[in-house]
Amino acid sequence: MIFVLALLSVATVASANPFPKGNAQAGQKLFEKYDCNSCHNSMMGGDGNKIFTRIDRRRNSPEELIDQISMCSGNVKAHFTPQETQDLAAYLNIFYKFK
């Protein structure tokens, strides 16, 4: 019985993180390095981070966030590796709170 409970708690923790291979700290550094908020700031009245928490946000799943990162990479002239994309998604999930 204890073994089953332990497995369930591990499964719950694993499912709580949609980007388990991502490193949020590395993602934050990339976000800052490429000045990702440069586009967001003009759209959100100077506070680019509001784009992630607005009620009518366009990305509502981890998969959609990954797609958006790929689309935005061209705006900042970046070619993110799959790992960098996971890192950025892990960082942005601080705002999105996907599970």
PDB file of N, CA and C in Angstrom:
ATOM      1  N   MET A   1       0.818  -1.193   0.000  1.00  0.00           N
ATOM      2  CA  MET A   1       0.000   0.000   0.000  1.00  0.00           C
ATOM      3  C   MET A   1       0.861   1.255   0.000  1.00  0.00           C
ATOM      4  N   ILE A   2       1.897   1.287   0.804  1.00  0.00           N
ATOM      5  CA  ILE A   2       2.777   2.449   0.856  1.00  0.00           C
ATOM      6  C   ILE A   2       3.450   2.656  -0.496  1.00  0.00           C
ATOM      7  N   PHE A   3       3.820   1.574  -1.158  1.00  0.00           N
ATOM      8  CA  PHE A   3       4.449   1.659  -2.471  1.00  0.00           C
ATOM      9  C   PHE A   3       3.511   2.326  -3.468  1.00  0.00           C
ATOM     10  N   VAL A   4       2.244   1.955  -3.451  1.00  0.00           N
ATOM     11  CA  VAL A   4       1.254   2.535  -4.360  1.00  0.00           C
ATOM     12  C   VAL A   4       1.102   4.031  -4.079  1.00  0.00           C
ATOM     13  N   LEU A   5       1.036   4.428  -2.833  1.00  0.00           N
ATOM     14  CA  LEU A   5       0.934   5.849  -2.485  1.00  0.00           C
ATOM     15  C   LEU A   5       2.168   6.616  -2.952  1.00  0.00           C
ATOM     16  N   ALA A   6       3.325   6.014  -2.803  1.00  0.00           N
ATOM     17  CA  ALA A   6       4.554   6.670  -3.249  1.00  0.00           C
ATOM     18  C   ALA A   6       4.532   6.871  -4.760  1.00  0.00           C
ATOM     19  N   LEU A   7       4.096   5.858  -5.497  1.00  0.00           N
ATOM     20  CA  LEU A   7       4.001   5.980  -6.952  1.00  0.00           C
ATOM     21  C   LEU A   7       3.005   7.062  -7.354  1.00  0.00           C
ATOM     22  N   LEU A   8       1.887   7.118  -6.678  1.00  0.00           N
ATOM     23  CA  LEU A   8       0.890   8.140  -6.987  1.00  0.00           C
ATOM     24  C   LEU A   8       1.418   9.543  -6.725  1.00  0.00           C
ATOM     25  N   SER A   9       2.155   9.725  -5.656  1.00  0.00           N
ATOM     26  CA  SER A   9       2.681  11.059  -5.363  1.00  0.00           C
ATOM     27  C   SER A   9       3.749  11.448  -6.372  1.00  0.00           C
ATOM     28  N   VAL A  10       4.574  10.516  -6.828  1.00  0.00           N
ATOM     29  CA  VAL A  10       5.568  10.804  -7.857  1.00  0.00           C
ATOM     30  C   VAL A  10       4.871  11.155  -9.161  1.00  0.00           C
ATOM     31  N   ALA A  11       3.829  10.425  -9.524  1.00  0.00           N
ATOM     32  CA  ALA A  11       3.083  10.711 -10.741  1.00  0.00           C
ATOM     33  C   ALA A  11       2.422  12.079 -10.672  1.00  0.00           C
ATOM     34  N   THR A  12       1.920  12.454  -9.523  1.00  0.00           N
ATOM     35  CA  THR A  12       1.290  13.761  -9.358  1.00  0.00           C
ATOM     36  C   THR A  12       2.309  14.872  -9.529  1.00  0.00           C
ATOM     37  N   VAL A  13       3.474  14.726  -8.932  1.00  0.00           N
ATOM     38  CA  VAL A  13       4.520  15.739  -9.076  1.00  0.00           C
ATOM     39  C   VAL A  13       4.961  15.840 -10.525  1.00  0.00           C
ATOM     40  N   ALA A  14       5.142  14.705 -11.193  1.00  0.00           N
ATOM     41  CA  ALA A  14       5.576  14.718 -12.590  1.00  0.00           C
ATOM     42  C   ALA A  14       4.539  15.383 -13.485  1.00  0.00           C
ATOM     43  N   SER A  15       3.256  15.153 -13.230  1.00  0.00           N
ATOM     44  CA  SER A  15       2.231  15.731 -14.080  1.00  0.00           C
ATOM     45  C   SER A  15       2.031  17.212 -13.786  1.00  0.00           C
ATOM     46  N   ALA A  16       2.523  17.700 -12.663  1.00  0.00           N
ATOM     47  CA  ALA A  16       2.365  19.104 -12.309  1.00  0.00           C
ATOM     48  C   ALA A  16       3.316  19.987 -13.112  1.00  0.00           C
ATOM     49  N   ASN A  17       4.321  19.430 -13.740  1.00  0.00           N
ATOM     50  CA  ASN A  17       5.282  20.211 -14.508  1.00  0.00           C
ATOM     51  C   ASN A  17       5.200  19.810 -15.979  1.00  0.00           C
ATOM     52  N   PRO A  18       4.609  20.655 -16.818  1.00  0.00           N
ATOM     53  CA  PRO A  18       4.483  20.301 -18.224  1.00  0.00           C
ATOM     54  C   PRO A  18       5.804  20.419 -18.997  1.00  0.00           C
ATOM     55  N   PHE A  19       6.826  20.990 -18.385  1.00  0.00           N
ATOM     56  CA  PHE A  19       8.119  21.156 -19.049  1.00  0.00           C
ATOM     57  C   PHE A  19       9.228  20.577 -18.174  1.00  0.00           C
ATOM     58  N   PRO A  20       9.185  19.280 -17.905  1.00  0.00           N
ATOM     59  CA  PRO A  20      10.126  18.684 -16.951  1.00  0.00           C
ATOM     60  C   PRO A  20      11.584  18.749 -17.399  1.00  0.00           C
ATOM     61  N   LYS A  21      11.821  18.912 -18.688  1.00  0.00           N
ATOM     62  CA  LYS A  21      13.202  19.006 -19.173  1.00  0.00           C
ATOM     63  C   LYS A  21      13.695  20.443 -19.211  1.00  0.00           C
ATOM     64  N   GLY A  22      12.811  21.381 -18.895  1.00  0.00           N
ATOM     65  CA  GLY A  22      13.177  22.788 -18.947  1.00  0.00           C
ATOM     66  C   GLY A  22      13.748  23.293 -17.639  1.00  0.00           C
ATOM     67  N   ASN A  23      14.601  24.283 -17.745  1.00  0.00           N
ATOM     68  CA  ASN A  23      15.210  24.934 -16.589  1.00  0.00           C
ATOM     69  C   ASN A  23      14.744  26.391 -16.598  1.00  0.00           C
ATOM     70  N   ALA A  24      13.890  26.748 -15.653  1.00  0.00           N
ATOM     71  CA  ALA A  24      13.294  28.086 -15.628  1.00  0.00           C
ATOM     72  C   ALA A  24      14.350  29.183 -15.490  1.00  0.00           C
ATOM     73  N   GLN A  25      15.405  28.945 -14.720  1.00  0.00           N
ATOM     74  CA  GLN A  25      16.452  29.958 -14.566  1.00  0.00           C
ATOM     75  C   GLN A  25      17.178  30.204 -15.885  1.00  0.00           C
ATOM     76  N   ALA A  26      17.468  29.130 -16.603  1.00  0.00           N
ATOM     77  CA  ALA A  26      18.105  29.278 -17.919  1.00  0.00           C
ATOM     78  C   ALA A  26      17.147  29.979 -18.881  1.00  0.00           C
ATOM     79  N   GLY A  27      15.858  29.664 -18.775  1.00  0.00           N
ATOM     80  CA  GLY A  27      14.859  30.306 -19.618  1.00  0.00           C
ATOM     81  C   GLY A  27      14.753  31.793 -19.356  1.00  0.00           C
ATOM     82  N   GLN A  28      14.836  32.178 -18.093  1.00  0.00           N
ATOM     83  CA  GLN A  28      14.786  33.601 -17.750  1.00  0.00           C
ATOM     84  C   GLN A  28      15.990  34.337 -18.348  1.00  0.00           C
ATOM     85  N   LYS A  29      17.148  33.718 -18.302  1.00  0.00           N
ATOM     86  CA  LYS A  29      18.343  34.335 -18.885  1.00  0.00           C
ATOM     87  C   LYS A  29      18.177  34.520 -20.392  1.00  0.00           C
ATOM     88  N   LEU A  30      17.607  33.521 -21.066  1.00  0.00           N
ATOM     89  CA  LEU A  30      17.356  33.646 -22.504  1.00  0.00           C
ATOM     90  C   LEU A  30      16.337  34.752 -22.778  1.00  0.00           C
ATOM     91  N   PHE A  31      15.290  34.787 -21.976  1.00  0.00           N
ATOM     92  CA  PHE A  31      14.243  35.792 -22.120  1.00  0.00           C
ATOM     93  C   PHE A  31      14.843  37.199 -22.026  1.00  0.00           C
ATOM     94  N   GLU A  32      15.737  37.378 -21.083  1.00  0.00           N
ATOM     95  CA  GLU A  32      16.396  38.672 -20.899  1.00  0.00           C
ATOM     96  C   GLU A  32      17.433  38.934 -21.990  1.00  0.00           C
ATOM     97  N   LYS A  33      18.205  37.926 -22.342  1.00  0.00           N
ATOM     98  CA  LYS A  33      19.251  38.081 -23.359  1.00  0.00           C
ATOM     99  C   LYS A  33      18.665  38.539 -24.694  1.00  0.00           C
ATOM    100  N   TYR A  34      17.549  37.942 -25.085  1.00  0.00           N
ATOM    101  CA  TYR A  34      16.934  38.264 -26.370  1.00  0.00           C
ATOM    102  C   TYR A  34      15.889  39.368 -26.253  1.00  0.00           C
ATOM    103  N   ASP A  35      15.771  39.965 -25.073  1.00  0.00           N
ATOM    104  CA  ASP A  35      14.843  41.077 -24.835  1.00  0.00           C
ATOM    105  C   ASP A  35      13.455  40.735 -25.382  1.00  0.00           C
ATOM    106  N   CYS A  36      12.965  39.585 -24.967  1.00  0.00           N
ATOM    107  CA  CYS A  36      11.678  39.088 -25.464  1.00  0.00           C
ATOM    108  C   CYS A  36      10.524  40.052 -25.181  1.00  0.00           C
ATOM    109  N   ASN A  37      10.638  40.827 -24.139  1.00  0.00           N
ATOM    110  CA  ASN A  37       9.560  41.765 -23.834  1.00  0.00           C
ATOM    111  C   ASN A  37       9.567  42.993 -24.742  1.00  0.00           C
ATOM    112  N   SER A  38      10.549  43.128 -25.618  1.00  0.00           N
ATOM    113  CA  SER A  38      10.610  44.311 -26.470  1.00  0.00           C
ATOM    114  C   SER A  38       9.333  44.460 -27.299  1.00  0.00           C
ATOM    115  N   CYS A  39       8.791  43.375 -27.790  1.00  0.00           N
ATOM    116  CA  CYS A  39       7.508  43.435 -28.524  1.00  0.00           C
ATOM    117  C   CYS A  39       6.334  43.576 -27.561  1.00  0.00           C
ATOM    118  N   HIS A  40       6.372  42.828 -26.496  1.00  0.00           N
ATOM    119  CA  HIS A  40       5.268  42.804 -25.536  1.00  0.00           C
ATOM    120  C   HIS A  40       5.040  44.170 -24.887  1.00  0.00           C
ATOM    121  N   ASN A  41       6.127  44.885 -24.594  1.00  0.00           N
ATOM    122  CA  ASN A  41       6.006  46.181 -23.920  1.00  0.00           C
ATOM    123  C   ASN A  41       5.109  47.141 -24.695  1.00  0.00           C
ATOM    124  N   SER A  42       5.313  47.225 -26.003  1.00  0.00           N
ATOM    125  CA  SER A  42       4.498  48.159 -26.795  1.00  0.00           C
ATOM    126  C   SER A  42       3.045  47.698 -26.878  1.00  0.00           C
ATOM    127  N   MET A  43       2.826  46.408 -26.861  1.00  0.00           N
ATOM    128  CA  MET A  43       1.457  45.885 -26.945  1.00  0.00           C
ATOM    129  C   MET A  43       0.706  46.015 -25.622  1.00  0.00           C
ATOM    130  N   MET A  44       1.450  46.045 -24.508  1.00  0.00           N
ATOM    131  CA  MET A  44       0.823  45.999 -23.191  1.00  0.00           C
ATOM    132  C   MET A  44       1.041  47.278 -22.379  1.00  0.00           C
ATOM    133  N   GLY A  45       1.272  48.384 -23.053  1.00  0.00           N
ATOM    134  CA  GLY A  45       1.386  49.660 -22.363  1.00  0.00           C
ATOM    135  C   GLY A  45       2.611  49.790 -21.477  1.00  0.00           C
ATOM    136  N   GLY A  46       3.690  49.133 -21.854  1.00  0.00           N
ATOM    137  CA  GLY A  46       4.935  49.276 -21.110  1.00  0.00           C
ATOM    138  C   GLY A  46       5.283  48.125 -20.186  1.00  0.00           C
ATOM    139  N   ASP A  47       4.327  47.296 -19.811  1.00  0.00           N
ATOM    140  CA  ASP A  47       4.597  46.135 -18.953  1.00  0.00           C
ATOM    141  C   ASP A  47       4.357  44.867 -19.752  1.00  0.00           C
ATOM    142  N   GLY A  48       5.392  44.423 -20.443  1.00  0.00           N
ATOM    143  CA  GLY A  48       5.281  43.269 -21.324  1.00  0.00           C
ATOM    144  C   GLY A  48       4.841  41.991 -20.652  1.00  0.00           C
ATOM    145  N   ASN A  49       5.122  41.839 -19.365  1.00  0.00           N
ATOM    146  CA  ASN A  49       4.729  40.612 -18.670  1.00  0.00           C
ATOM    147  C   ASN A  49       3.211  40.465 -18.567  1.00  0.00           C
ATOM    148  N   LYS A  50       2.478  41.543 -18.712  1.00  0.00           N
ATOM    149  CA  LYS A  50       1.015  41.453 -18.669  1.00  0.00           C
ATOM    150  C   LYS A  50       0.460  40.591 -19.798  1.00  0.00           C
ATOM    151  N   ILE A  51       1.237  40.430 -20.855  1.00  0.00           N
ATOM    152  CA  ILE A  51       0.764  39.629 -21.981  1.00  0.00           C
ATOM    153  C   ILE A  51       0.511  38.176 -21.571  1.00  0.00           C
ATOM    154  N   PHE A  52       1.223  37.730 -20.554  1.00  0.00           N
ATOM    155  CA  PHE A  52       1.104  36.340 -20.124  1.00  0.00           C
ATOM    156  C   PHE A  52      -0.088  36.101 -19.204  1.00  0.00           C
ATOM    157  N   THR A  53      -0.576  37.131 -18.566  1.00  0.00           N
ATOM    158  CA  THR A  53      -1.631  36.950 -17.568  1.00  0.00           C
ATOM    159  C   THR A  53      -2.959  37.590 -17.973  1.00  0.00           C
ATOM    160  N   ARG A  54      -3.022  38.153 -19.170  1.00  0.00           N
ATOM    161  CA  ARG A  54      -4.278  38.788 -19.590  1.00  0.00           C
ATOM    162  C   ARG A  54      -5.378  37.735 -19.726  1.00  0.00           C
ATOM    163  N   ILE A  55      -6.588  38.151 -19.521  1.00  0.00           N
ATOM    164  CA  ILE A  55      -7.735  37.234 -19.552  1.00  0.00           C
ATOM    165  C   ILE A  55      -7.914  36.603 -20.925  1.00  0.00           C
ATOM    166  N   ASP A  56      -7.689  37.377 -21.970  1.00  0.00           N
ATOM    167  CA  ASP A  56      -7.914  36.885 -23.331  1.00  0.00           C
ATOM    168  C   ASP A  56      -6.640  36.353 -23.992  1.00  0.00           C
ATOM    169  N   ARG A  57      -5.723  35.807 -23.192  1.00  0.00           N
ATOM    170  CA  ARG A  57      -4.484  35.325 -23.791  1.00  0.00           C
ATOM    171  C   ARG A  57      -4.763  34.234 -24.809  1.00  0.00           C
ATOM    172  N   ARG A  58      -3.884  34.140 -25.772  1.00  0.00           N
ATOM    173  CA  ARG A  58      -4.087  33.236 -26.915  1.00  0.00           C
ATOM    174  C   ARG A  58      -3.548  31.836 -26.680  1.00  0.00           C
ATOM    175  N   ARG A  59      -2.670  31.683 -25.739  1.00  0.00           N
ATOM    176  CA  ARG A  59      -2.047  30.382 -25.489  1.00  0.00           C
ATOM    177  C   ARG A  59      -2.587  29.811 -24.196  1.00  0.00           C
ATOM    178  N   ASN A  60      -3.254  28.659 -24.322  1.00  0.00           N
ATOM    179  CA  ASN A  60      -3.936  28.073 -23.173  1.00  0.00           C
ATOM    180  C   ASN A  60      -3.530  26.641 -22.883  1.00  0.00           C
ATOM    181  N   SER A  61      -2.419  26.220 -23.441  1.00  0.00           N
ATOM    182  CA  SER A  61      -1.916  24.877 -23.162  1.00  0.00           C
ATOM    183  C   SER A  61      -0.399  24.882 -23.325  1.00  0.00           C
ATOM    184  N   PRO A  62       0.277  23.924 -22.738  1.00  0.00           N
ATOM    185  CA  PRO A  62       1.734  23.852 -22.902  1.00  0.00           C
ATOM    186  C   PRO A  62       2.152  23.758 -24.369  1.00  0.00           C
ATOM    187  N   GLU A  63       1.402  23.002 -25.163  1.00  0.00           N
ATOM    188  CA  GLU A  63       1.730  22.843 -26.578  1.00  0.00           C
ATOM    189  C   GLU A  63       1.609  24.170 -27.326  1.00  0.00           C
ATOM    190  N   GLU A  64       0.574  24.934 -27.001  1.00  0.00           N
ATOM    191  CA  GLU A  64       0.395  26.235 -27.646  1.00  0.00           C
ATOM    192  C   GLU A  64       1.507  27.207 -27.244  1.00  0.00           C
ATOM    193  N   LEU A  65       1.978  27.113 -26.015  1.00  0.00           N
ATOM    194  CA  LEU A  65       3.071  27.975 -25.577  1.00  0.00           C
ATOM    195  C   LEU A  65       4.344  27.647 -26.350  1.00  0.00           C
ATOM    196  N   ILE A  66       4.631  26.376 -26.535  1.00  0.00           N
ATOM    197  CA  ILE A  66       5.803  25.963 -27.321  1.00  0.00           C
ATOM    198  C   ILE A  66       5.691  26.514 -28.742  1.00  0.00           C
ATOM    199  N   ASP A  67       4.512  26.419 -29.342  1.00  0.00           N
ATOM    200  CA  ASP A  67       4.302  26.965 -30.687  1.00  0.00           C
ATOM    201  C   ASP A  67       4.551  28.469 -30.715  1.00  0.00           C
ATOM    202  N   GLN A  68       4.074  29.175 -29.702  1.00  0.00           N
ATOM    203  CA  GLN A  68       4.256  30.624 -29.649  1.00  0.00           C
ATOM    204  C   GLN A  68       5.731  30.992 -29.517  1.00  0.00           C
ATOM    205  N   ILE A  69       6.453  30.260 -28.703  1.00  0.00           N
ATOM    206  CA  ILE A  69       7.890  30.519 -28.558  1.00  0.00           C
ATOM    207  C   ILE A  69       8.576  30.371 -29.908  1.00  0.00           C
ATOM    208  N   SER A  70       8.189  29.355 -30.660  1.00  0.00           N
ATOM    209  CA  SER A  70       8.778  29.152 -31.993  1.00  0.00           C
ATOM    210  C   SER A  70       8.455  30.320 -32.914  1.00  0.00           C
ATOM    211  N   MET A  71       7.212  30.795 -32.851  1.00  0.00           N
ATOM    212  CA  MET A  71       6.815  31.924 -33.694  1.00  0.00           C
ATOM    213  C   MET A  71       7.557  33.194 -33.281  1.00  0.00           C
ATOM    214  N   CYS A  72       7.677  33.439 -31.994  1.00  0.00           N
ATOM    215  CA  CYS A  72       8.313  34.661 -31.502  1.00  0.00           C
ATOM    216  C   CYS A  72       9.818  34.661 -31.710  1.00  0.00           C
ATOM    217  N   SER A  73      10.413  33.507 -31.842  1.00  0.00           N
ATOM    218  CA  SER A  73      11.866  33.457 -31.987  1.00  0.00           C
ATOM    219  C   SER A  73      12.333  34.268 -33.192  1.00  0.00           C
ATOM    220  N   GLY A  74      11.546  34.291 -34.230  1.00  0.00           N
ATOM    221  CA  GLY A  74      11.892  35.094 -35.406  1.00  0.00           C
ATOM    222  C   GLY A  74      11.878  36.577 -35.114  1.00  0.00           C
ATOM    223  N   ASN A  75      10.989  37.010 -34.224  1.00  0.00           N
ATOM    224  CA  ASN A  75      10.906  38.432 -33.875  1.00  0.00           C
ATOM    225  C   ASN A  75      12.170  38.928 -33.185  1.00  0.00           C
ATOM    226  N   VAL A  76      12.830  38.037 -32.463  1.00  0.00           N
ATOM    227  CA  VAL A  76      14.049  38.434 -31.747  1.00  0.00           C
ATOM    228  C   VAL A  76      15.303  37.886 -32.432  1.00  0.00           C
ATOM    229  N   LYS A  77      15.109  37.369 -33.641  1.00  0.00           N
ATOM    230  CA  LYS A  77      16.213  36.833 -34.448  1.00  0.00           C
ATOM    231  C   LYS A  77      17.011  35.764 -33.706  1.00  0.00           C
ATOM    232  N   ALA A  78      16.278  34.843 -33.112  1.00  0.00           N
ATOM    233  CA  ALA A  78      16.898  33.745 -32.371  1.00  0.00           C
ATOM    234  C   ALA A  78      16.515  32.418 -33.022  1.00  0.00           C
ATOM    235  N   HIS A  79      17.386  31.483 -32.878  1.00  0.00           N
ATOM    236  CA  HIS A  79      17.131  30.116 -33.337  1.00  0.00           C
ATOM    237  C   HIS A  79      17.299  29.223 -32.121  1.00  0.00           C
ATOM    238  N   PHE A  80      16.213  29.100 -31.352  1.00  0.00           N
ATOM    239  CA  PHE A  80      16.282  28.344 -30.112  1.00  0.00           C
ATOM    240  C   PHE A  80      16.376  26.853 -30.373  1.00  0.00           C
ATOM    241  N   THR A  81      17.254  26.211 -29.644  1.00  0.00           N
ATOM    242  CA  THR A  81      17.350  24.760 -29.696  1.00  0.00           C
ATOM    243  C   THR A  81      16.129  24.182 -28.978  1.00  0.00           C
ATOM    244  N   PRO A  82      15.854  22.900 -29.164  1.00  0.00           N
ATOM    245  CA  PRO A  82      14.754  22.293 -28.399  1.00  0.00           C
ATOM    246  C   PRO A  82      14.926  22.475 -26.886  1.00  0.00           C
ATOM    247  N   GLN A  83      16.164  22.391 -26.401  1.00  0.00           N
ATOM    248  CA  GLN A  83      16.392  22.576 -24.965  1.00  0.00           C
ATOM    249  C   GLN A  83      16.103  24.014 -24.550  1.00  0.00           C
ATOM    250  N   GLU A  84      16.534  24.970 -25.347  1.00  0.00           N
ATOM    251  CA  GLU A  84      16.264  26.370 -25.029  1.00  0.00           C
ATOM    252  C   GLU A  84      14.764  26.662 -25.042  1.00  0.00           C
ATOM    253  N   THR A  85      14.057  26.037 -25.958  1.00  0.00           N
ATOM    254  CA  THR A  85      12.607  26.202 -26.004  1.00  0.00           C
ATOM    255  C   THR A  85      11.965  25.661 -24.738  1.00  0.00           C
ATOM    256  N   GLN A  86      12.425  24.511 -24.271  1.00  0.00           N
ATOM    257  CA  GLN A  86      11.914  23.948 -23.016  1.00  0.00           C
ATOM    258  C   GLN A  86      12.256  24.852 -21.838  1.00  0.00           C
ATOM    259  N   ASP A  87      13.458  25.420 -21.855  1.00  0.00           N
ATOM    260  CA  ASP A  87      13.868  26.327 -20.777  1.00  0.00           C
ATOM    261  C   ASP A  87      12.984  27.571 -20.761  1.00  0.00           C
ATOM    262  N   LEU A  88      12.759  28.165 -21.928  1.00  0.00           N
ATOM    263  CA  LEU A  88      11.886  29.335 -22.011  1.00  0.00           C
ATOM    264  C   LEU A  88      10.474  28.999 -21.555  1.00  0.00           C
ATOM    265  N   ALA A  89       9.969  27.865 -21.989  1.00  0.00           N
ATOM    266  CA  ALA A  89       8.617  27.458 -21.587  1.00  0.00           C
ATOM    267  C   ALA A  89       8.535  27.252 -20.082  1.00  0.00           C
ATOM    268  N   ALA A  90       9.560  26.645 -19.502  1.00  0.00           N
ATOM    269  CA  ALA A  90       9.583  26.452 -18.042  1.00  0.00           C
ATOM    270  C   ALA A  90       9.566  27.799 -17.332  1.00  0.00           C
ATOM    271  N   TYR A  91      10.304  28.761 -17.851  1.00  0.00           N
ATOM    272  CA  TYR A  91      10.302  30.099 -17.255  1.00  0.00           C
ATOM    273  C   TYR A  91       8.932  30.755 -17.427  1.00  0.00           C
ATOM    274  N   LEU A  92       8.393  30.737 -18.620  1.00  0.00           N
ATOM    275  CA  LEU A  92       7.109  31.394 -18.869  1.00  0.00           C
ATOM    276  C   LEU A  92       5.967  30.722 -18.115  1.00  0.00           C
ATOM    277  N   ASN A  93       6.146  29.468 -17.775  1.00  0.00           N
ATOM    278  CA  ASN A  93       5.105  28.778 -17.027  1.00  0.00           C
ATOM    279  C   ASN A  93       4.941  29.351 -15.623  1.00  0.00           C
ATOM    280  N   ILE A  94       5.896  30.150 -15.173  1.00  0.00           N
ATOM    281  CA  ILE A  94       5.733  30.877 -13.913  1.00  0.00           C
ATOM    282  C   ILE A  94       4.505  31.789 -14.015  1.00  0.00           C
ATOM    283  N   PHE A  95       4.264  32.324 -15.209  1.00  0.00           N
ATOM    284  CA  PHE A  95       3.115  33.180 -15.456  1.00  0.00           C
ATOM    285  C   PHE A  95       1.871  32.364 -15.828  1.00  0.00           C
ATOM    286  N   TYR A  96       2.059  31.385 -16.720  1.00  0.00           N
ATOM    287  CA  TYR A  96       0.920  30.624 -17.236  1.00  0.00           C
ATOM    288  C   TYR A  96       0.359  29.626 -16.243  1.00  0.00           C
ATOM    289  N   LYS A  97       1.227  29.015 -15.472  1.00  0.00           N
ATOM    290  CA  LYS A  97       0.834  28.030 -14.460  1.00  0.00           C
ATOM    291  C   LYS A  97       0.127  26.802 -15.058  1.00  0.00           C
ATOM    292  N   PHE A  98       0.639  26.325 -16.200  1.00  0.00           N
ATOM    293  CA  PHE A  98       0.110  25.102 -16.773  1.00  0.00           C
ATOM    294  C   PHE A  98       0.509  23.918 -15.911  1.00  0.00           C
ATOM    295  N   LYS A  99      -0.351  22.905 -15.886  1.00  0.00           N
ATOM    296  CA  LYS A  99      -0.045  21.665 -15.143  1.00  0.00           C
ATOM    297  C   LYS A  99      -0.083  20.488 -16.050  1.00  0.00           C
TER     298      LYS A  99
END
